[in-house]
Amino acid sequence: MLVVAPGYGYFFVTGVNGLFGNNTQIPDWMLTPLVPLAVMPLVTRAIYRHTRNPYLGGIITAIMVTVMT
């Protein structure tokens, strides 16, 4: 968020993406994984409550992060 927020702020004010140039979409792909990663601790906790397996949530999170990268 420390890179994306100033980048989009500058872009909305001036119309030019000053951090990454005019024709790149780096802030877009940097912002996309934040939502699933912010929700995953809650999902991991719910999986643990249902299965009582402390490893299953971590494995699912690791698979999601691997697929996102």
PDB file of N, CA and C in Angstrom:
ATOM      1  N   MET A   1       0.827  -1.198   0.000  1.00  0.00           N
ATOM      2  CA  MET A   1       0.000   0.000   0.000  1.00  0.00           C
ATOM      3  C   MET A   1       0.869   1.260   0.000  1.00  0.00           C
ATOM      4  N   LEU A   2       2.082   1.175   0.530  1.00  0.00           N
ATOM      5  CA  LEU A   2       2.947   2.349   0.560  1.00  0.00           C
ATOM      6  C   LEU A   2       3.401   2.762  -0.838  1.00  0.00           C
ATOM      7  N   VAL A   3       3.424   1.838  -1.768  1.00  0.00           N
ATOM      8  CA  VAL A   3       3.792   2.161  -3.142  1.00  0.00           C
ATOM      9  C   VAL A   3       2.555   2.447  -3.982  1.00  0.00           C
ATOM     10  N   VAL A   4       1.496   1.674  -3.758  1.00  0.00           N
ATOM     11  CA  VAL A   4       0.302   1.788  -4.594  1.00  0.00           C
ATOM     12  C   VAL A   4      -0.457   3.080  -4.317  1.00  0.00           C
ATOM     13  N   ALA A   5      -0.638   3.448  -3.050  1.00  0.00           N
ATOM     14  CA  ALA A   5      -1.421   4.642  -2.712  1.00  0.00           C
ATOM     15  C   ALA A   5      -0.807   5.919  -3.294  1.00  0.00           C
ATOM     16  N   PRO A   6       0.486   6.184  -3.113  1.00  0.00           N
ATOM     17  CA  PRO A   6       1.037   7.393  -3.750  1.00  0.00           C
ATOM     18  C   PRO A   6       0.998   7.325  -5.273  1.00  0.00           C
ATOM     19  N   GLY A   7       1.196   6.133  -5.826  1.00  0.00           N
ATOM     20  CA  GLY A   7       1.159   5.995  -7.283  1.00  0.00           C
ATOM     21  C   GLY A   7      -0.194   6.346  -7.850  1.00  0.00           C
ATOM     22  N   TYR A   8      -1.257   5.802  -7.256  1.00  0.00           N
ATOM     23  CA  TYR A   8      -2.600   6.115  -7.740  1.00  0.00           C
ATOM     24  C   TYR A   8      -2.988   7.554  -7.408  1.00  0.00           C
ATOM     25  N   GLY A   9      -2.566   8.065  -6.257  1.00  0.00           N
ATOM     26  CA  GLY A   9      -2.864   9.454  -5.914  1.00  0.00           C
ATOM     27  C   GLY A   9      -2.280  10.425  -6.926  1.00  0.00           C
ATOM     28  N   TYR A  10      -1.021  10.210  -7.265  1.00  0.00           N
ATOM     29  CA  TYR A  10      -0.368  11.050  -8.271  1.00  0.00           C
ATOM     30  C   TYR A  10      -1.028  10.891  -9.640  1.00  0.00           C
ATOM     31  N   PHE A  11      -1.417   9.660  -9.946  1.00  0.00           N
ATOM     32  CA  PHE A  11      -2.075   9.400 -11.235  1.00  0.00           C
ATOM     33  C   PHE A  11      -3.422  10.109 -11.328  1.00  0.00           C
ATOM     34  N   PHE A  12      -4.224  10.070 -10.251  1.00  0.00           N
ATOM     35  CA  PHE A  12      -5.538  10.721 -10.288  1.00  0.00           C
ATOM     36  C   PHE A  12      -5.414  12.238 -10.384  1.00  0.00           C
ATOM     37  N   VAL A  13      -4.388  12.813  -9.754  1.00  0.00           N
ATOM     38  CA  VAL A  13      -4.230  14.263  -9.776  1.00  0.00           C
ATOM     39  C   VAL A  13      -3.686  14.744 -11.111  1.00  0.00           C
ATOM     40  N   THR A  14      -2.644  14.065 -11.641  1.00  0.00           N
ATOM     41  CA  THR A  14      -1.977  14.565 -12.835  1.00  0.00           C
ATOM     42  C   THR A  14      -2.355  13.828 -14.111  1.00  0.00           C
ATOM     43  N   GLY A  15      -2.822  12.596 -14.006  1.00  0.00           N
ATOM     44  CA  GLY A  15      -3.120  11.804 -15.187  1.00  0.00           C
ATOM     45  C   GLY A  15      -1.921  11.043 -15.712  1.00  0.00           C
ATOM     46  N   VAL A  16      -0.772  11.149 -15.034  1.00  0.00           N
ATOM     47  CA  VAL A  16       0.449  10.470 -15.450  1.00  0.00           C
ATOM     48  C   VAL A  16       0.898   9.575 -14.311  1.00  0.00           C
ATOM     49  N   ASN A  17       1.249   8.345 -14.631  1.00  0.00           N
ATOM     50  CA  ASN A  17       1.738   7.426 -13.615  1.00  0.00           C
ATOM     51  C   ASN A  17       3.218   7.696 -13.405  1.00  0.00           C
ATOM     52  N   GLY A  18       3.547   8.526 -12.442  1.00  0.00           N
ATOM     53  CA  GLY A  18       4.908   8.979 -12.224  1.00  0.00           C
ATOM     54  C   GLY A  18       5.841   7.936 -11.650  1.00  0.00           C
ATOM     55  N   LEU A  19       5.322   6.944 -10.958  1.00  0.00           N
ATOM     56  CA  LEU A  19       6.199   5.944 -10.350  1.00  0.00           C
ATOM     57  C   LEU A  19       6.666   4.904 -11.352  1.00  0.00           C
ATOM     58  N   PHE A  20       5.838   4.546 -12.310  1.00  0.00           N
ATOM     59  CA  PHE A  20       6.148   3.430 -13.187  1.00  0.00           C
ATOM     60  C   PHE A  20       6.059   3.771 -14.669  1.00  0.00           C
ATOM     61  N   GLY A  21       5.935   5.017 -15.038  1.00  0.00           N
ATOM     62  CA  GLY A  21       5.847   5.376 -16.450  1.00  0.00           C
ATOM     63  C   GLY A  21       4.400   5.472 -16.914  1.00  0.00           C
ATOM     64  N   ASN A  22       4.222   5.685 -18.198  1.00  0.00           N
ATOM     65  CA  ASN A  22       2.885   5.925 -18.739  1.00  0.00           C
ATOM     66  C   ASN A  22       2.155   4.658 -19.160  1.00  0.00           C
ATOM     67  N   ASN A  23       2.869   3.617 -19.592  1.00  0.00           N
ATOM     68  CA  ASN A  23       2.208   2.476 -20.211  1.00  0.00           C
ATOM     69  C   ASN A  23       2.372   1.177 -19.437  1.00  0.00           C
ATOM     70  N   THR A  24       2.530   1.230 -18.160  1.00  0.00           N
ATOM     71  CA  THR A  24       2.703  -0.002 -17.385  1.00  0.00           C
ATOM     72  C   THR A  24       1.562  -0.180 -16.396  1.00  0.00           C
ATOM     73  N   GLN A  25       1.301  -1.411 -15.997  1.00  0.00           N
ATOM     74  CA  GLN A  25       0.188  -1.695 -15.092  1.00  0.00           C
ATOM     75  C   GLN A  25       0.688  -2.351 -13.813  1.00  0.00           C
ATOM     76  N   ILE A  26       1.876  -2.010 -13.353  1.00  0.00           N
ATOM     77  CA  ILE A  26       2.431  -2.616 -12.142  1.00  0.00           C
ATOM     78  C   ILE A  26       1.530  -2.380 -10.920  1.00  0.00           C
ATOM     79  N   PRO A  27       1.018  -1.171 -10.667  1.00  0.00           N
ATOM     80  CA  PRO A  27       0.163  -0.999  -9.488  1.00  0.00           C
ATOM     81  C   PRO A  27      -1.087  -1.876  -9.523  1.00  0.00           C
ATOM     82  N   ASP A  28      -1.591  -2.188 -10.715  1.00  0.00           N
ATOM     83  CA  ASP A  28      -2.785  -3.023 -10.808  1.00  0.00           C
ATOM     84  C   ASP A  28      -2.518  -4.426 -10.292  1.00  0.00           C
ATOM     85  N   TRP A  29      -1.430  -5.043 -10.713  1.00  0.00           N
ATOM     86  CA  TRP A  29      -1.178  -6.409 -10.263  1.00  0.00           C
ATOM     87  C   TRP A  29      -0.632  -6.443  -8.851  1.00  0.00           C
ATOM     88  N   MET A  30      -0.114  -5.312  -8.341  1.00  0.00           N
ATOM     89  CA  MET A  30       0.335  -5.289  -6.948  1.00  0.00           C
ATOM     90  C   MET A  30      -0.851  -5.189  -5.994  1.00  0.00           C
ATOM     91  N   LEU A  31      -1.934  -4.571  -6.439  1.00  0.00           N
ATOM     92  CA  LEU A  31      -3.096  -4.372  -5.590  1.00  0.00           C
ATOM     93  C   LEU A  31      -4.006  -5.594  -5.568  1.00  0.00           C
ATOM     94  N   THR A  32      -4.003  -6.376  -6.613  1.00  0.00           N
ATOM     95  CA  THR A  32      -4.920  -7.511  -6.747  1.00  0.00           C
ATOM     96  C   THR A  32      -4.772  -8.566  -5.649  1.00  0.00           C
ATOM     97  N   PRO A  33      -3.574  -9.023  -5.286  1.00  0.00           N
ATOM     98  CA  PRO A  33      -3.480 -10.091  -4.274  1.00  0.00           C
ATOM     99  C   PRO A  33      -3.759  -9.635  -2.848  1.00  0.00           C
ATOM    100  N   LEU A  34      -3.896  -8.343  -2.600  1.00  0.00           N
ATOM    101  CA  LEU A  34      -4.090  -7.879  -1.233  1.00  0.00           C
ATOM    102  C   LEU A  34      -5.419  -8.329  -0.636  1.00  0.00           C
ATOM    103  N   VAL A  35      -6.455  -8.371  -1.430  1.00  0.00           N
ATOM    104  CA  VAL A  35      -7.774  -8.761  -0.903  1.00  0.00           C
ATOM    105  C   VAL A  35      -7.784 -10.225  -0.449  1.00  0.00           C
ATOM    106  N   PRO A  36      -7.366 -11.180  -1.294  1.00  0.00           N
ATOM    107  CA  PRO A  36      -7.359 -12.568  -0.804  1.00  0.00           C
ATOM    108  C   PRO A  36      -6.407 -12.776   0.362  1.00  0.00           C
ATOM    109  N   LEU A  37      -5.273 -12.099   0.361  1.00  0.00           N
ATOM    110  CA  LEU A  37      -4.327 -12.271   1.456  1.00  0.00           C
ATOM    111  C   LEU A  37      -4.838 -11.652   2.753  1.00  0.00           C
ATOM    112  N   ALA A  38      -5.668 -10.631   2.660  1.00  0.00           N
ATOM    113  CA  ALA A  38      -6.249 -10.039   3.861  1.00  0.00           C
ATOM    114  C   ALA A  38      -7.351 -10.922   4.439  1.00  0.00           C
ATOM    115  N   VAL A  39      -8.010 -11.710   3.597  1.00  0.00           N
ATOM    116  CA  VAL A  39      -9.106 -12.568   4.038  1.00  0.00           C
ATOM    117  C   VAL A  39      -8.609 -13.945   4.496  1.00  0.00           C
ATOM    118  N   MET A  40      -7.454 -14.369   4.018  1.00  0.00           N
ATOM    119  CA  MET A  40      -6.973 -15.724   4.297  1.00  0.00           C
ATOM    120  C   MET A  40      -6.787 -16.045   5.784  1.00  0.00           C
ATOM    121  N   PRO A  41      -6.339 -15.130   6.648  1.00  0.00           N
ATOM    122  CA  PRO A  41      -6.273 -15.493   8.073  1.00  0.00           C
ATOM    123  C   PRO A  41      -7.630 -15.869   8.656  1.00  0.00           C
ATOM    124  N   LEU A  42      -8.688 -15.206   8.201  1.00  0.00           N
ATOM    125  CA  LEU A  42     -10.025 -15.534   8.692  1.00  0.00           C
ATOM    126  C   LEU A  42     -10.458 -16.909   8.190  1.00  0.00           C
ATOM    127  N   VAL A  43     -10.163 -17.195   6.924  1.00  0.00           N
ATOM    128  CA  VAL A  43     -10.511 -18.489   6.352  1.00  0.00           C
ATOM    129  C   VAL A  43      -9.699 -19.598   7.023  1.00  0.00           C
ATOM    130  N   THR A  44      -8.416 -19.332   7.253  1.00  0.00           N
ATOM    131  CA  THR A  44      -7.561 -20.313   7.913  1.00  0.00           C
ATOM    132  C   THR A  44      -8.075 -20.635   9.309  1.00  0.00           C
ATOM    133  N   ARG A  45      -8.502 -19.626  10.022  1.00  0.00           N
ATOM    134  CA  ARG A  45      -9.043 -19.831  11.372  1.00  0.00           C
ATOM    135  C   ARG A  45     -10.336 -20.664  11.323  1.00  0.00           C
ATOM    136  N   ALA A  46     -11.189 -20.376  10.339  1.00  0.00           N
ATOM    137  CA  ALA A  46     -12.430 -21.140  10.203  1.00  0.00           C
ATOM    138  C   ALA A  46     -12.140 -22.599   9.852  1.00  0.00           C
ATOM    139  N   ILE A  47     -11.155 -22.832   8.999  1.00  0.00           N
ATOM    140  CA  ILE A  47     -10.780 -24.207   8.656  1.00  0.00           C
ATOM    141  C   ILE A  47     -10.274 -24.929   9.899  1.00  0.00           C
ATOM    142  N   TYR A  48      -9.488 -24.240  10.712  1.00  0.00           N
ATOM    143  CA  TYR A  48      -8.974 -24.864  11.933  1.00  0.00           C
ATOM    144  C   TYR A  48     -10.109 -25.204  12.897  1.00  0.00           C
ATOM    145  N   ARG A  49     -11.084 -24.307  13.026  1.00  0.00           N
ATOM    146  CA  ARG A  49     -12.205 -24.574  13.928  1.00  0.00           C
ATOM    147  C   ARG A  49     -12.988 -25.817  13.510  1.00  0.00           C
ATOM    148  N   HIS A  50     -13.136 -26.020  12.216  1.00  0.00           N
ATOM    149  CA  HIS A  50     -13.918 -27.163  11.728  1.00  0.00           C
ATOM    150  C   HIS A  50     -13.134 -28.467  11.741  1.00  0.00           C
ATOM    151  N   THR A  51     -11.835 -28.398  11.435  1.00  0.00           N
ATOM    152  CA  THR A  51     -11.075 -29.637  11.285  1.00  0.00           C
ATOM    153  C   THR A  51     -10.135 -29.925  12.447  1.00  0.00           C
ATOM    154  N   ARG A  52      -9.791 -28.918  13.242  1.00  0.00           N
ATOM    155  CA  ARG A  52      -8.799 -29.037  14.323  1.00  0.00           C
ATOM    156  C   ARG A  52      -7.437 -29.487  13.789  1.00  0.00           C
ATOM    157  N   ASN A  53      -7.172 -29.193  12.525  1.00  0.00           N
ATOM    158  CA  ASN A  53      -5.896 -29.509  11.905  1.00  0.00           C
ATOM    159  C   ASN A  53      -5.143 -28.191  11.702  1.00  0.00           C
ATOM    160  N   PRO A  54      -4.051 -27.964  12.444  1.00  0.00           N
ATOM    161  CA  PRO A  54      -3.359 -26.671  12.324  1.00  0.00           C
ATOM    162  C   PRO A  54      -2.589 -26.506  11.015  1.00  0.00           C
ATOM    163  N   TYR A  55      -2.378 -27.564  10.274  1.00  0.00           N
ATOM    164  CA  TYR A  55      -1.584 -27.494   9.059  1.00  0.00           C
ATOM    165  C   TYR A  55      -2.415 -27.246   7.803  1.00  0.00           C
ATOM    166  N   LEU A  56      -3.654 -27.629   7.809  1.00  0.00           N
ATOM    167  CA  LEU A  56      -4.484 -27.560   6.611  1.00  0.00           C
ATOM    168  C   LEU A  56      -4.669 -26.125   6.105  1.00  0.00           C
ATOM    169  N   GLY A  57      -4.945 -25.197   6.995  1.00  0.00           N
ATOM    170  CA  GLY A  57      -5.107 -23.792   6.591  1.00  0.00           C
ATOM    171  C   GLY A  57      -3.828 -23.217   6.017  1.00  0.00           C
ATOM    172  N   GLY A  58      -2.693 -23.560   6.610  1.00  0.00           N
ATOM    173  CA  GLY A  58      -1.408 -23.085   6.095  1.00  0.00           C
ATOM    174  C   GLY A  58      -1.092 -23.648   4.733  1.00  0.00           C
ATOM    175  N   ILE A  59      -1.429 -24.902   4.524  1.00  0.00           N
ATOM    176  CA  ILE A  59      -1.189 -25.524   3.224  1.00  0.00           C
ATOM    177  C   ILE A  59      -2.054 -24.866   2.153  1.00  0.00           C
ATOM    178  N   ILE A  60      -3.317 -24.621   2.470  1.00  0.00           N
ATOM    179  CA  ILE A  60      -4.209 -23.971   1.506  1.00  0.00           C
ATOM    180  C   ILE A  60      -3.736 -22.555   1.204  1.00  0.00           C
ATOM    181  N   THR A  61      -3.297 -21.814   2.233  1.00  0.00           N
ATOM    182  CA  THR A  61      -2.773 -20.471   2.024  1.00  0.00           C
ATOM    183  C   THR A  61      -1.518 -20.509   1.149  1.00  0.00           C
ATOM    184  N   ALA A  62      -0.627 -21.461   1.421  1.00  0.00           N
ATOM    185  CA  ALA A  62       0.598 -21.573   0.627  1.00  0.00           C
ATOM    186  C   ALA A  62       0.289 -21.896  -0.831  1.00  0.00           C
ATOM    187  N   ILE A  63      -0.694 -22.737  -1.067  1.00  0.00           N
ATOM    188  CA  ILE A  63      -1.074 -23.060  -2.440  1.00  0.00           C
ATOM    189  C   ILE A  63      -1.631 -21.829  -3.150  1.00  0.00           C
ATOM    190  N   MET A  64      -2.469 -21.056  -2.450  1.00  0.00           N
ATOM    191  CA  MET A  64      -3.037 -19.838  -3.054  1.00  0.00           C
ATOM    192  C   MET A  64      -1.945 -18.823  -3.386  1.00  0.00           C
ATOM    193  N   VAL A  65      -0.996 -18.618  -2.467  1.00  0.00           N
ATOM    194  CA  VAL A  65       0.092 -17.667  -2.718  1.00  0.00           C
ATOM    195  C   VAL A  65       0.957 -18.142  -3.879  1.00  0.00           C
ATOM    196  N   THR A  66       1.202 -19.449  -3.951  1.00  0.00           N
ATOM    197  CA  THR A  66       1.990 -19.987  -5.051  1.00  0.00           C
ATOM    198  C   THR A  66       1.292 -19.777  -6.388  1.00  0.00           C
ATOM    199  N   VAL A  67      -0.017 -20.002  -6.425  1.00  0.00           N
ATOM    200  CA  VAL A  67      -0.760 -19.801  -7.665  1.00  0.00           C
ATOM    201  C   VAL A  67      -0.777 -18.324  -8.045  1.00  0.00           C
ATOM    202  N   MET A  68      -0.912 -17.427  -7.060  1.00  0.00           N
ATOM    203  CA  MET A  68      -0.937 -15.992  -7.362  1.00  0.00           C
ATOM    204  C   MET A  68       0.396 -15.505  -7.914  1.00  0.00           C
ATOM    205  N   THR A  69       1.509 -16.092  -7.446  1.00  0.00           N
ATOM    206  CA  THR A  69       2.800 -15.646  -7.981  1.00  0.00           C
ATOM    207  C   THR A  69       3.069 -16.295  -9.297  1.00  0.00           C
TER     208      THR A  69
END
